[in-house]
């Protein structure tokens, strides 16, 4: 049976509490940042992309490709390493190309991971926790709404989005227009046993790439 994106979103909301998701994200993050293999970082990006789609998140493929290409091209400005291709006055070198791919997929993987791990209803105890939680909430709103920014009205779209966010800062988080699961409910969401199992599997698979990269023989 094929489930709609809204149905997958509701299932994601039912299974996981925001604090459990944030904790899992913090545990997974070093597996990405300390992974020495570019190939495995690409695999982690694809893994997080798949999980985001499974959770009912919107993934803008065109925007993601443009960001990746932009970072790669920016890195090619300073060539180093073996020359792969020359088109005067530019030189495409292996070192610059590899570094660009490495950085581009690391950034996009972090964005995908944050979309999965940080929810607008995240609450952290204490004054400092409230500040951090509010920062995470605004960041999550920015990431979730970035598809509204188009090339034709780039400046106007950013201005409109920032205006909405400035009005929203400090206000109690409202349920997303796409979800009504927790509307009118006072009890905090609790992670279900199945949710803990899924988070555990995701953490293990993410860290498995690090172990794989470290144990793999150098070419």
C-alpha atoms as a PDB file:
ATOM      1  CA  UNK A   1       0.000   0.000   0.000  1.00  0.00           C
ATOM      2  CA  UNK A   2       1.350   3.439  -0.984  1.00  0.00           C
ATOM      3  CA  UNK A   3       1.147   6.062   1.734  1.00  0.00           C
ATOM      4  CA  UNK A   4       0.837   9.771   1.043  1.00  0.00           C
ATOM      5  CA  UNK A   5       3.427  12.228   2.317  1.00  0.00           C
ATOM      6  CA  UNK A   6       0.976  13.515   4.937  1.00  0.00           C
ATOM      7  CA  UNK A   7       0.426   9.970   6.200  1.00  0.00           C
ATOM      8  CA  UNK A   8       4.163   9.356   6.479  1.00  0.00           C
ATOM      9  CA  UNK A   9       4.545  12.701   8.296  1.00  0.00           C
ATOM     10  CA  UNK A  10       1.897  11.721  10.853  1.00  0.00           C
ATOM     11  CA  UNK A  11       3.548   8.338  11.418  1.00  0.00           C
ATOM     12  CA  UNK A  12       6.885  10.130  11.960  1.00  0.00           C
ATOM     13  CA  UNK A  13       5.232  12.476  14.477  1.00  0.00           C
ATOM     14  CA  UNK A  14       3.613   9.574  16.330  1.00  0.00           C
ATOM     15  CA  UNK A  15       6.750   7.449  16.617  1.00  0.00           C
ATOM     16  CA  UNK A  16       9.308   9.969  17.854  1.00  0.00           C
ATOM     17  CA  UNK A  17       9.462  12.615  20.556  1.00  0.00           C
ATOM     18  CA  UNK A  18      11.428  15.758  19.575  1.00  0.00           C
ATOM     19  CA  UNK A  19      14.013  15.271  22.348  1.00  0.00           C
ATOM     20  CA  UNK A  20      14.715  11.680  21.259  1.00  0.00           C
ATOM     21  CA  UNK A  21      15.178  12.830  17.667  1.00  0.00           C
ATOM     22  CA  UNK A  22      17.545  15.618  18.739  1.00  0.00           C
ATOM     23  CA  UNK A  23      19.593  13.205  20.879  1.00  0.00           C
ATOM     24  CA  UNK A  24      19.852  10.721  18.005  1.00  0.00           C
ATOM     25  CA  UNK A  25      20.922  13.542  15.683  1.00  0.00           C
ATOM     26  CA  UNK A  26      23.706  14.603  18.070  1.00  0.00           C
ATOM     27  CA  UNK A  27      24.933  10.992  18.287  1.00  0.00           C
ATOM     28  CA  UNK A  28      24.903  10.585  14.505  1.00  0.00           C
ATOM     29  CA  UNK A  29      26.578  13.926  13.696  1.00  0.00           C
ATOM     30  CA  UNK A  30      30.156  12.833  14.621  1.00  0.00           C
ATOM     31  CA  UNK A  31      29.718   9.777  12.380  1.00  0.00           C
ATOM     32  CA  UNK A  32      29.369  12.203   9.493  1.00  0.00           C
ATOM     33  CA  UNK A  33      31.900  14.865  10.497  1.00  0.00           C
ATOM     34  CA  UNK A  34      34.659  12.405  11.489  1.00  0.00           C
ATOM     35  CA  UNK A  35      34.161  10.085   8.520  1.00  0.00           C
ATOM     36  CA  UNK A  36      37.367  10.282   6.451  1.00  0.00           C
ATOM     37  CA  UNK A  37      35.814   8.816   3.307  1.00  0.00           C
ATOM     38  CA  UNK A  38      34.148  11.095   0.759  1.00  0.00           C
ATOM     39  CA  UNK A  39      32.298   8.111  -0.689  1.00  0.00           C
ATOM     40  CA  UNK A  40      30.830   7.240   2.687  1.00  0.00           C
ATOM     41  CA  UNK A  41      29.771  10.850   3.282  1.00  0.00           C
ATOM     42  CA  UNK A  42      27.904  10.699  -0.016  1.00  0.00           C
ATOM     43  CA  UNK A  43      26.282   7.455   1.137  1.00  0.00           C
ATOM     44  CA  UNK A  44      25.241   9.084   4.419  1.00  0.00           C
ATOM     45  CA  UNK A  45      23.733  11.999   2.500  1.00  0.00           C
ATOM     46  CA  UNK A  46      21.689   9.582   0.362  1.00  0.00           C
ATOM     47  CA  UNK A  47      20.697   7.669   3.505  1.00  0.00           C
ATOM     48  CA  UNK A  48      19.482  10.832   5.250  1.00  0.00           C
ATOM     49  CA  UNK A  49      17.703  11.949   2.071  1.00  0.00           C
ATOM     50  CA  UNK A  50      15.867   8.621   1.959  1.00  0.00           C
ATOM     51  CA  UNK A  51      14.911   8.897   5.646  1.00  0.00           C
ATOM     52  CA  UNK A  52      13.660  12.465   5.158  1.00  0.00           C
ATOM     53  CA  UNK A  53      11.485  11.346   2.240  1.00  0.00           C
ATOM     54  CA  UNK A  54      10.263   8.395   4.307  1.00  0.00           C
ATOM     55  CA  UNK A  55       9.309  10.827   7.095  1.00  0.00           C
ATOM     56  CA  UNK A  56       7.217  12.875   4.673  1.00  0.00           C
ATOM     57  CA  UNK A  57       9.670  15.756   4.345  1.00  0.00           C
ATOM     58  CA  UNK A  58       9.819  17.800   1.140  1.00  0.00           C
ATOM     59  CA  UNK A  59      13.160  17.439  -0.632  1.00  0.00           C
ATOM     60  CA  UNK A  60      13.954  19.998  -3.323  1.00  0.00           C
ATOM     61  CA  UNK A  61      16.196  18.018  -5.675  1.00  0.00           C
ATOM     62  CA  UNK A  62      16.981  20.956  -7.980  1.00  0.00           C
ATOM     63  CA  UNK A  63      17.993  23.257  -5.125  1.00  0.00           C
ATOM     64  CA  UNK A  64      20.157  20.536  -3.583  1.00  0.00           C
ATOM     65  CA  UNK A  65      21.953  19.899  -6.887  1.00  0.00           C
ATOM     66  CA  UNK A  66      22.539  23.634  -7.404  1.00  0.00           C
ATOM     67  CA  UNK A  67      24.039  24.001  -3.915  1.00  0.00           C
ATOM     68  CA  UNK A  68      26.322  20.997  -4.446  1.00  0.00           C
ATOM     69  CA  UNK A  69      27.461  22.281  -7.853  1.00  0.00           C
ATOM     70  CA  UNK A  70      28.028  25.766  -6.441  1.00  0.00           C
ATOM     71  CA  UNK A  71      30.295  24.477  -3.669  1.00  0.00           C
ATOM     72  CA  UNK A  72      32.220  22.234  -6.058  1.00  0.00           C
ATOM     73  CA  UNK A  73      32.740  25.056  -8.584  1.00  0.00           C
ATOM     74  CA  UNK A  74      33.841  27.426  -5.805  1.00  0.00           C
ATOM     75  CA  UNK A  75      36.494  24.915  -4.712  1.00  0.00           C
ATOM     76  CA  UNK A  76      37.768  24.559  -8.270  1.00  0.00           C
ATOM     77  CA  UNK A  77      38.796  28.240  -8.279  1.00  0.00           C
ATOM     78  CA  UNK A  78      41.982  27.334  -6.394  1.00  0.00           C
ATOM     79  CA  UNK A  79      43.444  24.321  -8.257  1.00  0.00           C
ATOM     80  CA  UNK A  80      45.750  21.840  -6.591  1.00  0.00           C
ATOM     81  CA  UNK A  81      46.708  18.248  -7.222  1.00  0.00           C
ATOM     82  CA  UNK A  82      46.783  16.344 -10.505  1.00  0.00           C
ATOM     83  CA  UNK A  83      45.305  18.214 -13.471  1.00  0.00           C
ATOM     84  CA  UNK A  84      42.299  16.338 -14.878  1.00  0.00           C
ATOM     85  CA  UNK A  85      41.082  18.810 -17.469  1.00  0.00           C
ATOM     86  CA  UNK A  86      42.155  22.192 -18.794  1.00  0.00           C
ATOM     87  CA  UNK A  87      39.880  24.804 -20.334  1.00  0.00           C
ATOM     88  CA  UNK A  88      41.819  28.059 -20.396  1.00  0.00           C
ATOM     89  CA  UNK A  89      42.072  29.903 -18.123  1.00  0.00           C
ATOM     90  CA  UNK A  90      40.619  27.246 -15.794  1.00  0.00           C
ATOM     91  CA  UNK A  91      42.155  23.998 -14.616  1.00  0.00           C
ATOM     92  CA  UNK A  92      40.136  21.207 -13.031  1.00  0.00           C
ATOM     93  CA  UNK A  93      42.366  19.367 -10.586  1.00  0.00           C
ATOM     94  CA  UNK A  94      41.751  16.164  -8.680  1.00  0.00           C
ATOM     95  CA  UNK A  95      42.496  17.676  -5.268  1.00  0.00           C
ATOM     96  CA  UNK A  96      40.141  20.636  -5.672  1.00  0.00           C
ATOM     97  CA  UNK A  97      37.390  18.484  -7.177  1.00  0.00           C
ATOM     98  CA  UNK A  98      37.594  15.897  -4.390  1.00  0.00           C
ATOM     99  CA  UNK A  99      37.600  18.587  -1.695  1.00  0.00           C
ATOM    100  CA  UNK A 100      34.595  20.288  -3.277  1.00  0.00           C
ATOM    101  CA  UNK A 101      32.588  17.074  -3.417  1.00  0.00           C
ATOM    102  CA  UNK A 102      33.614  16.248   0.151  1.00  0.00           C
ATOM    103  CA  UNK A 103      32.478  19.624   1.508  1.00  0.00           C
ATOM    104  CA  UNK A 104      29.322  19.843  -0.591  1.00  0.00           C
ATOM    105  CA  UNK A 105      27.937  16.477   0.462  1.00  0.00           C
ATOM    106  CA  UNK A 106      28.953  17.063   4.079  1.00  0.00           C
ATOM    107  CA  UNK A 107      26.921  20.284   4.151  1.00  0.00           C
ATOM    108  CA  UNK A 108      23.889  18.732   2.455  1.00  0.00           C
ATOM    109  CA  UNK A 109      24.061  15.669   4.704  1.00  0.00           C
ATOM    110  CA  UNK A 110      24.072  17.950   7.770  1.00  0.00           C
ATOM    111  CA  UNK A 111      21.040  19.785   6.400  1.00  0.00           C
ATOM    112  CA  UNK A 112      19.195  16.507   5.820  1.00  0.00           C
ATOM    113  CA  UNK A 113      20.135  15.260   9.297  1.00  0.00           C
ATOM    114  CA  UNK A 114      18.946  18.509  10.898  1.00  0.00           C
ATOM    115  CA  UNK A 115      15.605  18.266   9.085  1.00  0.00           C
ATOM    116  CA  UNK A 116      15.144  14.814  10.581  1.00  0.00           C
ATOM    117  CA  UNK A 117      16.452  15.518  14.095  1.00  0.00           C
ATOM    118  CA  UNK A 118      15.260  19.067  14.827  1.00  0.00           C
ATOM    119  CA  UNK A 119      11.552  19.735  15.120  1.00  0.00           C
ATOM    120  CA  UNK A 120       9.862  23.075  15.873  1.00  0.00           C
ATOM    121  CA  UNK A 121       8.348  21.595  19.060  1.00  0.00           C
ATOM    122  CA  UNK A 122      11.767  20.744  20.549  1.00  0.00           C
ATOM    123  CA  UNK A 123      11.951  21.773  24.217  1.00  0.00           C
ATOM    124  CA  UNK A 124      15.137  21.862  26.338  1.00  0.00           C
ATOM    125  CA  UNK A 125      14.849  22.567  30.105  1.00  0.00           C
ATOM    126  CA  UNK A 126      16.301  25.753  31.618  1.00  0.00           C
ATOM    127  CA  UNK A 127      16.899  29.286  30.359  1.00  0.00           C
ATOM    128  CA  UNK A 128      19.877  28.273  28.235  1.00  0.00           C
ATOM    129  CA  UNK A 129      17.950  25.286  26.922  1.00  0.00           C
ATOM    130  CA  UNK A 130      15.052  27.574  26.042  1.00  0.00           C
ATOM    131  CA  UNK A 131      17.402  29.804  24.053  1.00  0.00           C
ATOM    132  CA  UNK A 132      18.968  26.838  22.244  1.00  0.00           C
ATOM    133  CA  UNK A 133      15.570  25.291  21.627  1.00  0.00           C
ATOM    134  CA  UNK A 134      14.251  28.547  20.158  1.00  0.00           C
ATOM    135  CA  UNK A 135      17.309  28.748  17.885  1.00  0.00           C
ATOM    136  CA  UNK A 136      16.726  25.182  16.750  1.00  0.00           C
ATOM    137  CA  UNK A 137      13.059  25.926  16.159  1.00  0.00           C
ATOM    138  CA  UNK A 138      13.794  28.931  13.950  1.00  0.00           C
ATOM    139  CA  UNK A 139      16.452  26.934  12.108  1.00  0.00           C
ATOM    140  CA  UNK A 140      14.010  24.089  11.507  1.00  0.00           C
ATOM    141  CA  UNK A 141      11.426  26.543  10.181  1.00  0.00           C
ATOM    142  CA  UNK A 142      14.013  28.048   7.836  1.00  0.00           C
ATOM    143  CA  UNK A 143      15.058  24.649   6.498  1.00  0.00           C
ATOM    144  CA  UNK A 144      11.486  23.435   6.080  1.00  0.00           C
ATOM    145  CA  UNK A 145      10.430  26.593   4.232  1.00  0.00           C
ATOM    146  CA  UNK A 146      13.468  27.053   1.992  1.00  0.00           C
ATOM    147  CA  UNK A 147      11.556  25.582  -0.983  1.00  0.00           C
ATOM    148  CA  UNK A 148       9.602  28.873  -1.050  1.00  0.00           C
ATOM    149  CA  UNK A 149      12.708  30.736  -2.222  1.00  0.00           C
ATOM    150  CA  UNK A 150      12.772  30.872  -6.018  1.00  0.00           C
ATOM    151  CA  UNK A 151      15.309  32.277  -8.434  1.00  0.00           C
ATOM    152  CA  UNK A 152      12.941  34.802 -10.038  1.00  0.00           C
ATOM    153  CA  UNK A 153      11.913  36.483  -6.769  1.00  0.00           C
ATOM    154  CA  UNK A 154      14.949  35.565  -4.659  1.00  0.00           C
ATOM    155  CA  UNK A 155      15.236  38.772  -2.614  1.00  0.00           C
ATOM    156  CA  UNK A 156      11.473  39.187  -2.136  1.00  0.00           C
ATOM    157  CA  UNK A 157      11.096  35.552  -1.022  1.00  0.00           C
ATOM    158  CA  UNK A 158      13.898  35.862   1.553  1.00  0.00           C
ATOM    159  CA  UNK A 159      12.473  39.148   2.845  1.00  0.00           C
ATOM    160  CA  UNK A 160       8.988  37.629   3.199  1.00  0.00           C
ATOM    161  CA  UNK A 161      10.304  34.519   4.956  1.00  0.00           C
ATOM    162  CA  UNK A 162      12.457  36.501   7.407  1.00  0.00           C
ATOM    163  CA  UNK A 163       9.534  38.805   8.187  1.00  0.00           C
ATOM    164  CA  UNK A 164       7.325  35.825   9.031  1.00  0.00           C
ATOM    165  CA  UNK A 165      10.052  34.284  11.183  1.00  0.00           C
ATOM    166  CA  UNK A 166      10.664  37.541  13.076  1.00  0.00           C
ATOM    167  CA  UNK A 167       6.969  37.672  13.942  1.00  0.00           C
ATOM    168  CA  UNK A 168       7.065  34.028  14.982  1.00  0.00           C
ATOM    169  CA  UNK A 169      10.106  34.260  17.305  1.00  0.00           C
ATOM    170  CA  UNK A 170       9.043  34.079  20.923  1.00  0.00           C
ATOM    171  CA  UNK A 171       5.579  32.816  20.087  1.00  0.00           C
ATOM    172  CA  UNK A 172       4.402  29.351  21.016  1.00  0.00           C
ATOM    173  CA  UNK A 173       5.025  26.906  18.154  1.00  0.00           C
ATOM    174  CA  UNK A 174       1.968  26.296  16.041  1.00  0.00           C
ATOM    175  CA  UNK A 175       1.220  22.927  14.486  1.00  0.00           C
ATOM    176  CA  UNK A 176       2.430  22.687  10.893  1.00  0.00           C
ATOM    177  CA  UNK A 177      -0.281  23.228   8.307  1.00  0.00           C
ATOM    178  CA  UNK A 178       0.410  19.738   7.062  1.00  0.00           C
ATOM    179  CA  UNK A 179      -0.119  18.058  10.414  1.00  0.00           C
ATOM    180  CA  UNK A 180      -2.965  18.136  12.868  1.00  0.00           C
ATOM    181  CA  UNK A 181      -1.961  15.115  14.845  1.00  0.00           C
ATOM    182  CA  UNK A 182      -1.189  16.927  18.105  1.00  0.00           C
ATOM    183  CA  UNK A 183      -3.622  19.826  17.824  1.00  0.00           C
ATOM    184  CA  UNK A 184      -5.446  20.342  21.068  1.00  0.00           C
ATOM    185  CA  UNK A 185      -3.330  17.797  22.943  1.00  0.00           C
ATOM    186  CA  UNK A 186      -1.673  18.883  26.183  1.00  0.00           C
ATOM    187  CA  UNK A 187       0.348  15.734  26.821  1.00  0.00           C
ATOM    188  CA  UNK A 188       3.912  15.786  25.461  1.00  0.00           C
ATOM    189  CA  UNK A 189       4.738  13.327  22.716  1.00  0.00           C
ATOM    190  CA  UNK A 190       6.585  10.216  23.887  1.00  0.00           C
ATOM    191  CA  UNK A 191       8.763   8.033  21.708  1.00  0.00           C
ATOM    192  CA  UNK A 192       7.178   4.651  21.110  1.00  0.00           C
ATOM    193  CA  UNK A 193       9.212   1.427  21.552  1.00  0.00           C
ATOM    194  CA  UNK A 194       9.225   0.968  17.787  1.00  0.00           C
ATOM    195  CA  UNK A 195      10.601   4.492  17.479  1.00  0.00           C
ATOM    196  CA  UNK A 196      13.521   3.690  19.793  1.00  0.00           C
ATOM    197  CA  UNK A 197      14.295   0.588  17.737  1.00  0.00           C
ATOM    198  CA  UNK A 198      14.276   2.609  14.511  1.00  0.00           C
ATOM    199  CA  UNK A 199      16.503   5.317  16.003  1.00  0.00           C
ATOM    200  CA  UNK A 200      18.916   2.652  17.254  1.00  0.00           C
ATOM    201  CA  UNK A 201      19.132   1.058  13.814  1.00  0.00           C
ATOM    202  CA  UNK A 202      19.700   4.434  12.157  1.00  0.00           C
ATOM    203  CA  UNK A 203      22.492   5.296  14.639  1.00  0.00           C
ATOM    204  CA  UNK A 204      24.184   1.910  14.112  1.00  0.00           C
ATOM    205  CA  UNK A 205      23.988   2.151  10.318  1.00  0.00           C
ATOM    206  CA  UNK A 206      25.375   5.687  10.392  1.00  0.00           C
ATOM    207  CA  UNK A 207      28.339   4.739  12.565  1.00  0.00           C
ATOM    208  CA  UNK A 208      28.910   1.582  10.520  1.00  0.00           C
ATOM    209  CA  UNK A 209      30.122   3.797   7.656  1.00  0.00           C
ATOM    210  CA  UNK A 210      32.862   5.211   9.920  1.00  0.00           C
ATOM    211  CA  UNK A 211      34.020   1.733  10.949  1.00  0.00           C
ATOM    212  CA  UNK A 212      33.879   0.644   7.301  1.00  0.00           C
ATOM    213  CA  UNK A 213      35.995   3.618   6.225  1.00  0.00           C
ATOM    214  CA  UNK A 214      38.577   3.068   8.976  1.00  0.00           C
ATOM    215  CA  UNK A 215      38.909  -0.674   8.367  1.00  0.00           C
ATOM    216  CA  UNK A 216      38.945  -0.457   4.563  1.00  0.00           C
ATOM    217  CA  UNK A 217      42.445  -0.862   3.111  1.00  0.00           C
ATOM    218  CA  UNK A 218      43.960   2.261   1.604  1.00  0.00           C
ATOM    219  CA  UNK A 219      44.064   2.182  -2.191  1.00  0.00           C
END
